[in-house]
Amino acid sequence: MTARIAIDSEEEAAAKHDLGHYWLQAGKPPIALTLMEELNGDRREVNDDRTVRFFRDTLVRNGVELSENAPPHYTIELLQVVNTQELTAFDTTTANCQVSYRLVDSSRGVTIAEHKESHGPDAGFSFDQAKEKCIGGAVPAVSENLIRKLAEVWNQNWNNGIEQMITIEHLPGDLVPRVNTIVQNLHRISASTPATFTNAKFIKKVTFKGEGSELAAAILAAFEDENWHVTVTAIQGNGISLLWQDIPQQ
């Protein structure tokens, strides 16, 4: 008797869950959506367009909400390029187009995914008809690729962790080795780089499976066990800043 076991790749495993599952797992990071349109060589930013509404509705249907107020952790930059030609002999307009996205980790300022699809030529009895038909032919495939990529990114972050930079101001120099050991041995830290210490400032990069607020809480709890007192001064992007306080006299 032979037993056969199927093991999914990370991409296949991600596809089996709704995107909202991974968004919640990632801590509901704020997301922004922008659209630039290049029409016959002229480029402009578009705030309300059928393409924007399609992507927004697709995200909502998959359990993800766009952020209206909070600074975005991720920005989805859409670009649609349309070139049209009038065929006066046939009283029609033809359009060729390309729709693409760029997924940016805004907190780190890096592009983590991008994809594009082309369509056309598509004919219509008017400029708007030809344009919408062409864009409508490219948008669904781009949207599907974006949904899969977001699930993959958030799933990998959950499994492997996200890089965070820990900064502790006014740390006594004689405590650096002990602080370094405690930080790198915290639960859910999967990797770390050697710490630097200059002018009483301790800096260490770690890879943590969770949000920055969770890592800050873990540091505070570990330091309290040592009777060390620190305060969190900032949790922003992929950085956590702490301030060392004087140890109270017993």
C-alpha atoms as a PDB file:
ATOM      1  CA  MET A   1       0.000   0.000   0.000  1.00  0.00           C
ATOM      2  CA  THR A   2       1.344   3.417  -0.973  1.00  0.00           C
ATOM      3  CA  ALA A   3       0.367   6.658   0.713  1.00  0.00           C
ATOM      4  CA  ARG A   4       0.458   9.801  -1.388  1.00  0.00           C
ATOM      5  CA  ILE A   5       0.732  13.163   0.385  1.00  0.00           C
ATOM      6  CA  ALA A   6       0.209  16.430  -1.468  1.00  0.00           C
ATOM      7  CA  ILE A   7       2.175  19.388  -0.144  1.00  0.00           C
ATOM      8  CA  ASP A   8       1.099  22.829  -1.326  1.00  0.00           C
ATOM      9  CA  SER A   9       3.575  25.514  -2.219  1.00  0.00           C
ATOM     10  CA  GLU A  10       3.224  28.824  -0.353  1.00  0.00           C
ATOM     11  CA  GLU A  11       1.451  30.285  -3.389  1.00  0.00           C
ATOM     12  CA  GLU A  12      -0.997  27.367  -3.576  1.00  0.00           C
ATOM     13  CA  ALA A  13      -1.635  27.459   0.163  1.00  0.00           C
ATOM     14  CA  ALA A  14      -2.304  31.202   0.021  1.00  0.00           C
ATOM     15  CA  ALA A  15      -4.787  30.761  -2.811  1.00  0.00           C
ATOM     16  CA  LYS A  16      -6.949  28.462  -0.657  1.00  0.00           C
ATOM     17  CA  HIS A  17      -7.830  31.248   1.782  1.00  0.00           C
ATOM     18  CA  ASP A  18      -9.667  34.505   1.227  1.00  0.00           C
ATOM     19  CA  LEU A  19      -7.342  37.480   1.040  1.00  0.00           C
ATOM     20  CA  GLY A  20      -9.066  38.917   4.102  1.00  0.00           C
ATOM     21  CA  HIS A  21      -7.712  35.995   6.155  1.00  0.00           C
ATOM     22  CA  TYR A  22      -4.139  37.068   5.427  1.00  0.00           C
ATOM     23  CA  TRP A  23      -4.944  40.777   5.841  1.00  0.00           C
ATOM     24  CA  LEU A  24      -6.284  40.114   9.348  1.00  0.00           C
ATOM     25  CA  GLN A  25      -3.334  37.824  10.073  1.00  0.00           C
ATOM     26  CA  ALA A  26      -0.975  40.646   9.064  1.00  0.00           C
ATOM     27  CA  GLY A  27      -2.692  43.025  11.509  1.00  0.00           C
ATOM     28  CA  LYS A  28      -4.941  44.830   8.977  1.00  0.00           C
ATOM     29  CA  PRO A  29      -2.153  47.031   7.530  1.00  0.00           C
ATOM     30  CA  PRO A  30      -3.479  50.304   6.019  1.00  0.00           C
ATOM     31  CA  ILE A  31      -3.654  50.211   2.207  1.00  0.00           C
ATOM     32  CA  ALA A  32      -3.900  53.069  -0.300  1.00  0.00           C
ATOM     33  CA  LEU A  33      -4.914  52.844  -3.971  1.00  0.00           C
ATOM     34  CA  THR A  34      -3.860  55.355  -6.638  1.00  0.00           C
ATOM     35  CA  LEU A  35      -4.387  55.522 -10.406  1.00  0.00           C
ATOM     36  CA  MET A  36      -2.415  57.323 -13.096  1.00  0.00           C
ATOM     37  CA  GLU A  37      -3.788  57.413 -16.628  1.00  0.00           C
ATOM     38  CA  GLU A  38      -1.720  58.042 -19.737  1.00  0.00           C
ATOM     39  CA  LEU A  39      -4.068  58.860 -22.594  1.00  0.00           C
ATOM     40  CA  ASN A  40      -2.450  59.317 -26.000  1.00  0.00           C
ATOM     41  CA  GLY A  41       0.738  60.477 -24.294  1.00  0.00           C
ATOM     42  CA  ASP A  42      -0.843  62.815 -21.717  1.00  0.00           C
ATOM     43  CA  ARG A  43      -0.552  61.600 -18.112  1.00  0.00           C
ATOM     44  CA  ARG A  44      -2.818  62.607 -15.223  1.00  0.00           C
ATOM     45  CA  GLU A  45      -3.867  61.342 -11.819  1.00  0.00           C
ATOM     46  CA  VAL A  46      -7.397  59.966 -11.655  1.00  0.00           C
ATOM     47  CA  ASN A  47      -9.324  59.869  -8.388  1.00  0.00           C
ATOM     48  CA  ASP A  48     -12.595  58.320  -9.534  1.00  0.00           C
ATOM     49  CA  ASP A  49     -12.588  55.943 -12.458  1.00  0.00           C
ATOM     50  CA  ARG A  50     -14.127  52.585 -13.372  1.00  0.00           C
ATOM     51  CA  THR A  51     -10.709  50.964 -12.940  1.00  0.00           C
ATOM     52  CA  VAL A  52     -10.334  52.360  -9.413  1.00  0.00           C
ATOM     53  CA  ARG A  53     -13.818  51.206  -8.491  1.00  0.00           C
ATOM     54  CA  PHE A  54     -13.165  47.726  -9.905  1.00  0.00           C
ATOM     55  CA  PHE A  55      -9.988  47.237  -7.857  1.00  0.00           C
ATOM     56  CA  ARG A  56     -11.568  48.733  -4.724  1.00  0.00           C
ATOM     57  CA  ASP A  57     -14.637  46.497  -5.049  1.00  0.00           C
ATOM     58  CA  THR A  58     -12.446  43.436  -5.681  1.00  0.00           C
ATOM     59  CA  LEU A  59     -10.466  44.079  -2.503  1.00  0.00           C
ATOM     60  CA  VAL A  60     -13.648  44.587  -0.473  1.00  0.00           C
ATOM     61  CA  ARG A  61     -15.182  41.373  -1.841  1.00  0.00           C
ATOM     62  CA  ASN A  62     -12.033  39.580  -0.702  1.00  0.00           C
ATOM     63  CA  GLY A  63     -12.283  40.970   2.827  1.00  0.00           C
ATOM     64  CA  VAL A  64      -9.830  43.892   2.610  1.00  0.00           C
ATOM     65  CA  GLU A  65     -10.661  47.539   3.290  1.00  0.00           C
ATOM     66  CA  LEU A  66      -8.754  50.525   1.949  1.00  0.00           C
ATOM     67  CA  SER A  67      -7.503  53.092   4.440  1.00  0.00           C
ATOM     68  CA  GLU A  68      -9.002  56.572   4.289  1.00  0.00           C
ATOM     69  CA  ASN A  69      -7.071  58.293   7.089  1.00  0.00           C
ATOM     70  CA  ALA A  70      -4.091  56.286   8.398  1.00  0.00           C
ATOM     71  CA  PRO A  71      -0.734  56.555   6.585  1.00  0.00           C
ATOM     72  CA  PRO A  72      -0.561  53.529   4.260  1.00  0.00           C
ATOM     73  CA  HIS A  73       1.678  50.568   4.983  1.00  0.00           C
ATOM     74  CA  TYR A  74       1.129  49.402   1.396  1.00  0.00           C
ATOM     75  CA  THR A  75       0.309  51.474  -1.683  1.00  0.00           C
ATOM     76  CA  ILE A  76      -1.153  49.940  -4.835  1.00  0.00           C
ATOM     77  CA  GLU A  77      -0.088  52.195  -7.711  1.00  0.00           C
ATOM     78  CA  LEU A  78      -2.228  51.550 -10.799  1.00  0.00           C
ATOM     79  CA  LEU A  79      -1.284  52.772 -14.273  1.00  0.00           C
ATOM     80  CA  GLN A  80      -3.465  52.528 -17.367  1.00  0.00           C
ATOM     81  CA  VAL A  81      -1.975  53.534 -20.716  1.00  0.00           C
ATOM     82  CA  VAL A  82      -4.401  54.021 -23.605  1.00  0.00           C
ATOM     83  CA  ASN A  83      -3.630  54.916 -27.208  1.00  0.00           C
ATOM     84  CA  THR A  84      -6.523  55.493 -29.585  1.00  0.00           C
ATOM     85  CA  GLN A  85      -6.893  55.987 -33.325  1.00  0.00           C
ATOM     86  CA  GLU A  86      -9.831  57.406 -35.258  1.00  0.00           C
ATOM     87  CA  LEU A  87     -10.918  55.368 -38.312  1.00  0.00           C
ATOM     88  CA  THR A  88     -13.042  57.933 -40.096  1.00  0.00           C
ATOM     89  CA  ALA A  89     -13.717  55.647 -43.049  1.00  0.00           C
ATOM     90  CA  PHE A  90     -15.482  53.201 -40.736  1.00  0.00           C
ATOM     91  CA  ASP A  91     -16.784  55.817 -38.264  1.00  0.00           C
ATOM     92  CA  THR A  92     -15.098  53.953 -35.413  1.00  0.00           C
ATOM     93  CA  THR A  93     -12.286  54.365 -32.868  1.00  0.00           C
ATOM     94  CA  THR A  94      -9.715  51.693 -31.980  1.00  0.00           C
ATOM     95  CA  ALA A  95      -7.832  51.488 -28.694  1.00  0.00           C
ATOM     96  CA  ASN A  96      -4.723  49.678 -27.513  1.00  0.00           C
ATOM     97  CA  CYS A  97      -4.089  49.672 -23.791  1.00  0.00           C
ATOM     98  CA  GLN A  98      -1.937  48.398 -20.964  1.00  0.00           C
ATOM     99  CA  VAL A  99      -2.990  48.134 -17.317  1.00  0.00           C
ATOM    100  CA  SER A 100      -0.415  47.554 -14.581  1.00  0.00           C
ATOM    101  CA  TYR A 101       0.067  47.744 -10.838  1.00  0.00           C
ATOM    102  CA  ARG A 102       3.049  48.342  -8.594  1.00  0.00           C
ATOM    103  CA  LEU A 103       2.765  47.156  -4.978  1.00  0.00           C
ATOM    104  CA  VAL A 104       4.888  49.367  -2.717  1.00  0.00           C
ATOM    105  CA  ASP A 105       5.773  48.756   0.914  1.00  0.00           C
ATOM    106  CA  SER A 106       5.407  52.414   1.875  1.00  0.00           C
ATOM    107  CA  SER A 107       6.982  51.956   5.295  1.00  0.00           C
ATOM    108  CA  ARG A 108      10.234  50.789   3.679  1.00  0.00           C
ATOM    109  CA  GLY A 109       9.914  52.602   0.358  1.00  0.00           C
ATOM    110  CA  VAL A 110      10.453  49.471  -1.729  1.00  0.00           C
ATOM    111  CA  THR A 111       8.522  47.826  -4.565  1.00  0.00           C
ATOM    112  CA  ILE A 112       7.625  44.258  -3.649  1.00  0.00           C
ATOM    113  CA  ALA A 113       5.534  43.236  -6.680  1.00  0.00           C
ATOM    114  CA  GLU A 114       4.378  44.447 -10.083  1.00  0.00           C
ATOM    115  CA  HIS A 115       2.424  43.079 -13.026  1.00  0.00           C
ATOM    116  CA  LYS A 116       0.976  44.313 -16.317  1.00  0.00           C
ATOM    117  CA  GLU A 117      -1.445  43.141 -18.994  1.00  0.00           C
ATOM    118  CA  SER A 118      -2.015  44.469 -22.514  1.00  0.00           C
ATOM    119  CA  HIS A 119      -5.159  44.386 -24.630  1.00  0.00           C
ATOM    120  CA  GLY A 120      -6.351  45.539 -28.034  1.00  0.00           C
ATOM    121  CA  PRO A 121      -6.871  46.727 -30.570  1.00  0.00           C
ATOM    122  CA  ASP A 122     -10.510  47.102 -29.543  1.00  0.00           C
ATOM    123  CA  ALA A 123     -12.989  48.984 -31.701  1.00  0.00           C
ATOM    124  CA  GLY A 124     -15.947  51.100 -30.663  1.00  0.00           C
ATOM    125  CA  PHE A 125     -18.369  53.576 -32.168  1.00  0.00           C
ATOM    126  CA  SER A 126     -17.015  56.228 -29.802  1.00  0.00           C
ATOM    127  CA  PHE A 127     -13.797  57.069 -28.001  1.00  0.00           C
ATOM    128  CA  ASP A 128     -15.234  56.114 -24.606  1.00  0.00           C
ATOM    129  CA  GLN A 129     -16.615  52.817 -25.872  1.00  0.00           C
ATOM    130  CA  ALA A 130     -13.287  51.756 -27.383  1.00  0.00           C
ATOM    131  CA  LYS A 131     -11.350  52.822 -24.287  1.00  0.00           C
ATOM    132  CA  GLU A 132     -13.632  51.046 -21.804  1.00  0.00           C
ATOM    133  CA  LYS A 133     -13.725  47.867 -23.887  1.00  0.00           C
ATOM    134  CA  CYS A 134      -9.927  47.761 -24.074  1.00  0.00           C
ATOM    135  CA  ILE A 135      -9.308  48.490 -20.385  1.00  0.00           C
ATOM    136  CA  GLY A 136     -12.058  46.073 -19.396  1.00  0.00           C
ATOM    137  CA  GLY A 137     -10.213  43.320 -21.232  1.00  0.00           C
ATOM    138  CA  ALA A 138      -6.985  43.848 -19.237  1.00  0.00           C
ATOM    139  CA  VAL A 139      -8.175  44.762 -15.742  1.00  0.00           C
ATOM    140  CA  PRO A 140      -9.494  41.359 -14.506  1.00  0.00           C
ATOM    141  CA  ALA A 141      -6.167  39.542 -15.041  1.00  0.00           C
ATOM    142  CA  VAL A 142      -4.220  42.350 -13.341  1.00  0.00           C
ATOM    143  CA  SER A 143      -6.635  42.351 -10.413  1.00  0.00           C
ATOM    144  CA  GLU A 144      -6.394  38.575  -9.994  1.00  0.00           C
ATOM    145  CA  ASN A 145      -2.595  38.743  -9.988  1.00  0.00           C
ATOM    146  CA  LEU A 146      -2.683  41.503  -7.326  1.00  0.00           C
ATOM    147  CA  ILE A 147      -4.973  39.499  -5.033  1.00  0.00           C
ATOM    148  CA  ARG A 148      -2.720  36.445  -5.245  1.00  0.00           C
ATOM    149  CA  LYS A 149       0.421  38.502  -4.686  1.00  0.00           C
ATOM    150  CA  LEU A 150      -0.992  40.252  -1.609  1.00  0.00           C
ATOM    151  CA  ALA A 151      -1.957  36.885  -0.110  1.00  0.00           C
ATOM    152  CA  GLU A 152       1.517  35.533  -0.857  1.00  0.00           C
ATOM    153  CA  VAL A 153       3.280  38.560   0.685  1.00  0.00           C
ATOM    154  CA  TRP A 154       1.228  38.542   3.877  1.00  0.00           C
ATOM    155  CA  ASN A 155       1.515  34.764   4.194  1.00  0.00           C
ATOM    156  CA  GLN A 156       5.302  34.906   3.846  1.00  0.00           C
ATOM    157  CA  ASN A 157       5.486  37.739   6.380  1.00  0.00           C
ATOM    158  CA  TRP A 158       3.473  35.643   8.834  1.00  0.00           C
ATOM    159  CA  ASN A 159       5.641  32.554   8.297  1.00  0.00           C
ATOM    160  CA  ASN A 160       9.047  34.217   8.027  1.00  0.00           C
ATOM    161  CA  GLY A 161       8.665  37.540   9.835  1.00  0.00           C
ATOM    162  CA  ILE A 162       9.210  41.197   8.991  1.00  0.00           C
ATOM    163  CA  GLU A 163      12.421  43.132   9.519  1.00  0.00           C
ATOM    164  CA  GLN A 164      12.217  45.637  12.380  1.00  0.00           C
ATOM    165  CA  MET A 165      14.848  48.097  13.621  1.00  0.00           C
ATOM    166  CA  ILE A 166      15.041  48.494  17.402  1.00  0.00           C
ATOM    167  CA  THR A 167      16.612  51.661  18.794  1.00  0.00           C
ATOM    168  CA  ILE A 168      17.216  52.241  22.516  1.00  0.00           C
ATOM    169  CA  GLU A 169      18.432  55.699  23.558  1.00  0.00           C
ATOM    170  CA  HIS A 170      20.517  56.358  26.724  1.00  0.00           C
ATOM    171  CA  LEU A 171      21.353  52.695  27.301  1.00  0.00           C
ATOM    172  CA  PRO A 172      24.216  52.200  29.837  1.00  0.00           C
ATOM    173  CA  GLY A 173      27.192  50.702  28.023  1.00  0.00           C
ATOM    174  CA  ASP A 174      27.764  47.921  30.540  1.00  0.00           C
ATOM    175  CA  LEU A 175      24.292  46.516  29.814  1.00  0.00           C
ATOM    176  CA  VAL A 176      24.708  46.245  26.031  1.00  0.00           C
ATOM    177  CA  PRO A 177      25.706  42.534  25.947  1.00  0.00           C
ATOM    178  CA  ARG A 178      22.831  41.495  28.204  1.00  0.00           C
ATOM    179  CA  VAL A 179      20.278  43.635  26.326  1.00  0.00           C
ATOM    180  CA  ASN A 180      21.509  42.244  23.011  1.00  0.00           C
ATOM    181  CA  THR A 181      21.091  38.650  24.213  1.00  0.00           C
ATOM    182  CA  ILE A 182      17.614  39.250  25.597  1.00  0.00           C
ATOM    183  CA  VAL A 183      16.379  40.963  22.445  1.00  0.00           C
ATOM    184  CA  GLN A 184      17.661  38.351  19.999  1.00  0.00           C
ATOM    185  CA  ASN A 185      16.180  35.528  22.090  1.00  0.00           C
ATOM    186  CA  LEU A 186      12.671  36.974  22.237  1.00  0.00           C
ATOM    187  CA  HIS A 187       9.845  34.687  21.146  1.00  0.00           C
ATOM    188  CA  ARG A 188       8.894  35.016  17.448  1.00  0.00           C
ATOM    189  CA  ILE A 189      12.242  36.555  16.424  1.00  0.00           C
ATOM    190  CA  SER A 190      13.536  34.368  13.608  1.00  0.00           C
ATOM    191  CA  ALA A 191      16.746  36.257  12.774  1.00  0.00           C
ATOM    192  CA  SER A 192      18.832  39.223  13.884  1.00  0.00           C
ATOM    193  CA  THR A 193      21.921  41.191  12.929  1.00  0.00           C
ATOM    194  CA  PRO A 194      24.770  42.230  15.268  1.00  0.00           C
ATOM    195  CA  ALA A 195      23.903  45.260  17.378  1.00  0.00           C
ATOM    196  CA  THR A 196      25.651  48.617  17.106  1.00  0.00           C
ATOM    197  CA  PHE A 197      26.249  50.957  20.056  1.00  0.00           C
ATOM    198  CA  THR A 198      27.324  54.568  19.596  1.00  0.00           C
ATOM    199  CA  ASN A 199      26.832  57.575  21.902  1.00  0.00           C
ATOM    200  CA  ALA A 200      24.616  55.563  24.260  1.00  0.00           C
ATOM    201  CA  LYS A 201      22.360  54.517  21.357  1.00  0.00           C
ATOM    202  CA  PHE A 202      21.708  50.800  20.878  1.00  0.00           C
ATOM    203  CA  ILE A 203      20.537  49.727  17.395  1.00  0.00           C
ATOM    204  CA  LYS A 204      19.646  46.210  16.322  1.00  0.00           C
ATOM    205  CA  LYS A 205      17.745  44.783  13.338  1.00  0.00           C
ATOM    206  CA  VAL A 206      15.598  41.727  13.908  1.00  0.00           C
ATOM    207  CA  THR A 207      13.106  39.690  11.889  1.00  0.00           C
ATOM    208  CA  PHE A 208       9.905  39.359  13.901  1.00  0.00           C
ATOM    209  CA  LYS A 209       6.786  37.291  13.194  1.00  0.00           C
ATOM    210  CA  GLY A 210       4.222  39.904  14.140  1.00  0.00           C
ATOM    211  CA  GLU A 211       3.481  43.596  14.307  1.00  0.00           C
ATOM    212  CA  GLY A 212       5.753  46.303  15.697  1.00  0.00           C
ATOM    213  CA  SER A 213       3.435  46.909  18.654  1.00  0.00           C
ATOM    214  CA  GLU A 214       3.699  43.234  19.612  1.00  0.00           C
ATOM    215  CA  LEU A 215       7.483  43.350  19.457  1.00  0.00           C
ATOM    216  CA  ALA A 216       7.551  46.511  21.591  1.00  0.00           C
ATOM    217  CA  ALA A 217       5.323  44.820  24.175  1.00  0.00           C
ATOM    218  CA  ALA A 218       7.604  41.772  24.236  1.00  0.00           C
ATOM    219  CA  ILE A 219      10.668  43.966  24.816  1.00  0.00           C
ATOM    220  CA  LEU A 220       8.985  45.845  27.661  1.00  0.00           C
ATOM    221  CA  ALA A 221       7.903  42.596  29.338  1.00  0.00           C
ATOM    222  CA  ALA A 222      11.407  41.101  29.060  1.00  0.00           C
ATOM    223  CA  PHE A 223      13.013  44.245  30.474  1.00  0.00           C
ATOM    224  CA  GLU A 224      10.545  44.368  33.359  1.00  0.00           C
ATOM    225  CA  ASP A 225      11.709  40.871  34.323  1.00  0.00           C
ATOM    226  CA  GLU A 226      15.195  42.406  34.705  1.00  0.00           C
ATOM    227  CA  ASN A 227      13.806  45.393  36.639  1.00  0.00           C
ATOM    228  CA  TRP A 228      14.805  47.667  33.761  1.00  0.00           C
ATOM    229  CA  HIS A 229      12.558  50.587  32.889  1.00  0.00           C
ATOM    230  CA  VAL A 230      12.111  51.894  29.353  1.00  0.00           C
ATOM    231  CA  THR A 231       9.404  53.811  27.538  1.00  0.00           C
ATOM    232  CA  VAL A 232       8.313  53.479  23.925  1.00  0.00           C
ATOM    233  CA  THR A 233       8.788  56.782  22.115  1.00  0.00           C
ATOM    234  CA  ALA A 234       7.751  55.686  18.603  1.00  0.00           C
ATOM    235  CA  ILE A 235       6.455  52.735  16.593  1.00  0.00           C
ATOM    236  CA  GLN A 236       6.531  53.821  12.981  1.00  0.00           C
ATOM    237  CA  GLY A 237       6.944  51.828   9.794  1.00  0.00           C
ATOM    238  CA  ASN A 238       9.512  49.142  10.522  1.00  0.00           C
ATOM    239  CA  GLY A 239      11.122  50.945  13.430  1.00  0.00           C
ATOM    240  CA  ILE A 240      10.663  50.836  17.211  1.00  0.00           C
ATOM    241  CA  SER A 241      12.256  53.538  19.349  1.00  0.00           C
ATOM    242  CA  LEU A 242      12.661  53.219  23.110  1.00  0.00           C
ATOM    243  CA  LEU A 243      14.120  55.462  25.813  1.00  0.00           C
ATOM    244  CA  TRP A 244      16.051  53.996  28.753  1.00  0.00           C
ATOM    245  CA  GLN A 245      14.905  55.320  32.123  1.00  0.00           C
ATOM    246  CA  ASP A 246      16.831  55.585  35.375  1.00  0.00           C
ATOM    247  CA  ILE A 247      16.343  52.520  37.554  1.00  0.00           C
ATOM    248  CA  PRO A 248      14.365  53.553  40.673  1.00  0.00           C
ATOM    249  CA  GLN A 249      16.253  53.427  43.929  1.00  0.00           C
ATOM    250  CA  GLN A 250      15.213  50.559  46.205  1.00  0.00           C
END
